[in-house]
Amino acid sequence: QVQLVESGGGLVQAGGSLRLSCATSGRSITTSAMAWFRQGPGNEREFVAAIDWNGRNTYYADSVKGRFTISRSNVKNTVNLQVTALKPEDTAAYYCALAPIPTYPSGSDSYTRSAEYVYWGQGTQVTVSS
């Protein structure tokens, strides 16, 4: 069975950094695009970052550009999200997700839609204090 497990969340002060990890099992991610979403208290789930099968194309929400970096290791079957210069508004549960396609259509914003993803992890909490 396919499983995704996030880790690395925690409580940090504004301006701090964390490295979030998503470990996968049950299916190789070699041919799968991957993404991170987040959901804060009282908010809808929102797109954070995505990466295609070989890591050559990455996508970021405007709110995190320049601060967050998504990466992957197909050998280790892991996807990471380095989060820096954290702000209180970054406080949320962060989820990784797997798409059944290797890449996103050229010129498309489909990577921002949760419906594109088949498998989800349980989330890891990031809390940023001011």
Protein backbone atom coordinates (compact mmCIF):
# COMPACT_ATOMS: atom_id res chain seq x y z
CA GLN A 1 0.00 0.00 0.00
CA VAL A 2 1.18 3.52 -0.74
CA GLN A 3 2.05 5.54 2.33
CA LEU A 4 3.40 9.06 2.75
CA VAL A 5 4.71 10.19 6.13
CA GLU A 6 5.75 13.77 6.86
CA SER A 7 8.19 14.83 9.57
CA GLY A 8 10.33 17.77 10.62
CA GLY A 9 7.70 20.19 11.85
CA GLY A 10 8.05 22.09 15.09
CA LEU A 11 7.74 25.35 17.00
CA VAL A 12 10.08 28.12 15.86
CA GLN A 13 10.39 31.88 16.20
CA ALA A 14 9.74 34.20 13.29
CA GLY A 15 12.74 34.24 10.98
CA GLY A 16 13.66 30.66 11.79
CA SER A 17 14.00 27.65 9.53
CA LEU A 18 12.91 24.03 9.34
CA ARG A 19 13.46 21.12 6.98
CA LEU A 20 10.31 19.12 6.33
CA SER A 21 10.59 15.60 4.92
CA CYS A 22 8.15 13.22 3.26
CA ALA A 23 9.07 9.54 3.32
CA THR A 24 7.19 7.29 0.91
CA SER A 25 6.64 3.55 0.67
CA GLY A 26 4.61 1.09 -1.37
CA ARG A 27 5.36 2.79 -4.67
CA SER A 28 8.44 4.25 -6.28
CA ILE A 29 8.15 8.00 -6.78
CA THR A 30 10.50 7.89 -9.77
CA THR A 31 7.71 8.70 -12.24
CA SER A 32 5.54 10.81 -9.93
CA ALA A 33 5.25 14.54 -9.57
CA MET A 34 5.04 15.57 -5.90
CA ALA A 35 3.80 18.56 -3.96
CA TRP A 36 3.40 20.19 -0.57
CA PHE A 37 0.18 21.78 0.65
CA ARG A 38 -0.68 23.39 3.96
CA GLN A 39 -3.76 24.15 6.01
CA GLY A 40 -3.89 26.60 8.90
CA PRO A 41 -6.59 26.91 11.55
CA GLY A 42 -9.84 28.05 9.97
CA ASN A 43 -8.30 28.11 6.49
CA GLU A 44 -8.73 25.99 3.39
CA ARG A 45 -5.94 23.75 2.17
CA GLU A 46 -3.59 25.75 -0.05
CA PHE A 47 -0.82 24.94 -2.49
CA VAL A 48 2.76 25.55 -1.34
CA ALA A 49 5.20 23.93 -3.77
CA ALA A 50 5.45 21.21 -6.42
CA ILE A 51 8.19 19.34 -8.27
CA ASP A 52 8.16 17.14 -11.37
CA TRP A 53 9.52 13.61 -11.58
CA ASN A 54 13.18 14.51 -12.13
CA GLY A 55 13.29 17.76 -10.18
CA ARG A 56 13.96 19.91 -13.23
CA ASN A 57 10.78 21.94 -12.80
CA THR A 58 9.62 23.43 -9.52
CA TYR A 59 6.62 25.60 -8.70
CA TYR A 60 5.87 27.81 -5.71
CA ALA A 61 2.99 29.78 -4.31
CA ASP A 62 3.63 33.52 -4.43
CA SER A 63 3.50 33.68 -0.65
CA VAL A 64 6.55 31.43 -0.24
CA LYS A 65 8.72 32.27 -3.26
CA GLY A 66 12.28 33.04 -2.23
CA ARG A 67 11.79 31.50 1.20
CA PHE A 68 10.87 27.84 0.60
CA THR A 69 12.71 25.25 -1.50
CA ILE A 70 11.32 21.90 -2.62
CA SER A 71 13.64 19.04 -3.53
CA ARG A 72 13.51 15.29 -4.02
CA SER A 73 15.56 12.12 -3.98
CA ASN A 74 14.15 9.36 -6.14
CA VAL A 75 16.81 7.01 -4.79
CA LYS A 76 15.67 7.60 -1.21
CA ASN A 77 11.99 7.97 -2.17
CA THR A 78 11.79 11.23 -0.27
CA VAL A 79 10.60 14.76 -0.94
CA ASN A 80 11.78 17.67 1.18
CA LEU A 81 10.67 21.23 1.82
CA GLN A 82 13.25 23.62 3.24
CA VAL A 83 11.39 26.49 4.86
CA THR A 84 13.28 29.64 5.83
CA ALA A 85 12.52 33.18 7.00
CA LEU A 86 9.37 31.81 8.58
CA LYS A 87 6.49 34.12 9.38
CA PRO A 88 3.56 33.64 11.78
CA GLU A 89 1.27 33.30 8.77
CA ASP A 90 3.22 30.17 7.77
CA THR A 91 1.73 28.39 10.78
CA ALA A 92 -0.14 25.36 9.43
CA ALA A 93 -0.18 21.61 9.06
CA TYR A 94 1.98 20.74 6.07
CA TYR A 95 1.05 17.80 3.84
CA CYS A 96 2.91 16.06 1.04
CA ALA A 97 1.03 14.59 -1.91
CA LEU A 98 1.73 12.29 -4.87
CA ALA A 99 0.40 12.76 -8.40
CA PRO A 100 -0.16 9.86 -10.84
CA ILE A 101 1.74 11.71 -13.56
CA PRO A 102 5.46 12.51 -13.95
CA THR A 103 5.06 16.11 -15.10
CA TYR A 104 2.45 18.83 -15.25
CA PRO A 105 1.08 20.05 -18.59
CA SER A 106 3.13 22.89 -20.02
CA GLY A 107 1.62 26.26 -19.19
CA SER A 108 -0.85 24.71 -16.77
CA ASP A 109 -1.48 25.57 -13.14
CA SER A 110 -2.80 22.08 -12.41
CA TYR A 111 -0.10 21.58 -9.77
CA THR A 112 -1.98 24.00 -7.51
CA ARG A 113 -5.11 21.84 -7.42
CA SER A 114 -5.49 19.23 -4.72
CA ALA A 115 -7.58 17.08 -7.09
CA GLU A 116 -4.41 16.34 -9.08
CA TYR A 117 -3.03 14.23 -6.26
CA VAL A 118 -3.90 10.65 -5.41
CA TYR A 119 -2.06 9.99 -2.15
CA TRP A 120 -1.60 12.24 0.88
CA GLY A 121 0.30 12.08 4.12
CA GLN A 122 -1.10 12.82 7.57
CA GLY A 123 0.74 16.11 7.92
CA THR A 124 3.39 17.69 10.13
CA GLN A 125 2.68 20.81 12.19
CA VAL A 126 4.69 23.99 11.77
CA THR A 127 4.06 26.72 14.33
CA VAL A 128 5.78 30.10 14.05
CA SER A 129 5.72 32.48 16.99
CA SER A 130 6.16 36.23 16.74
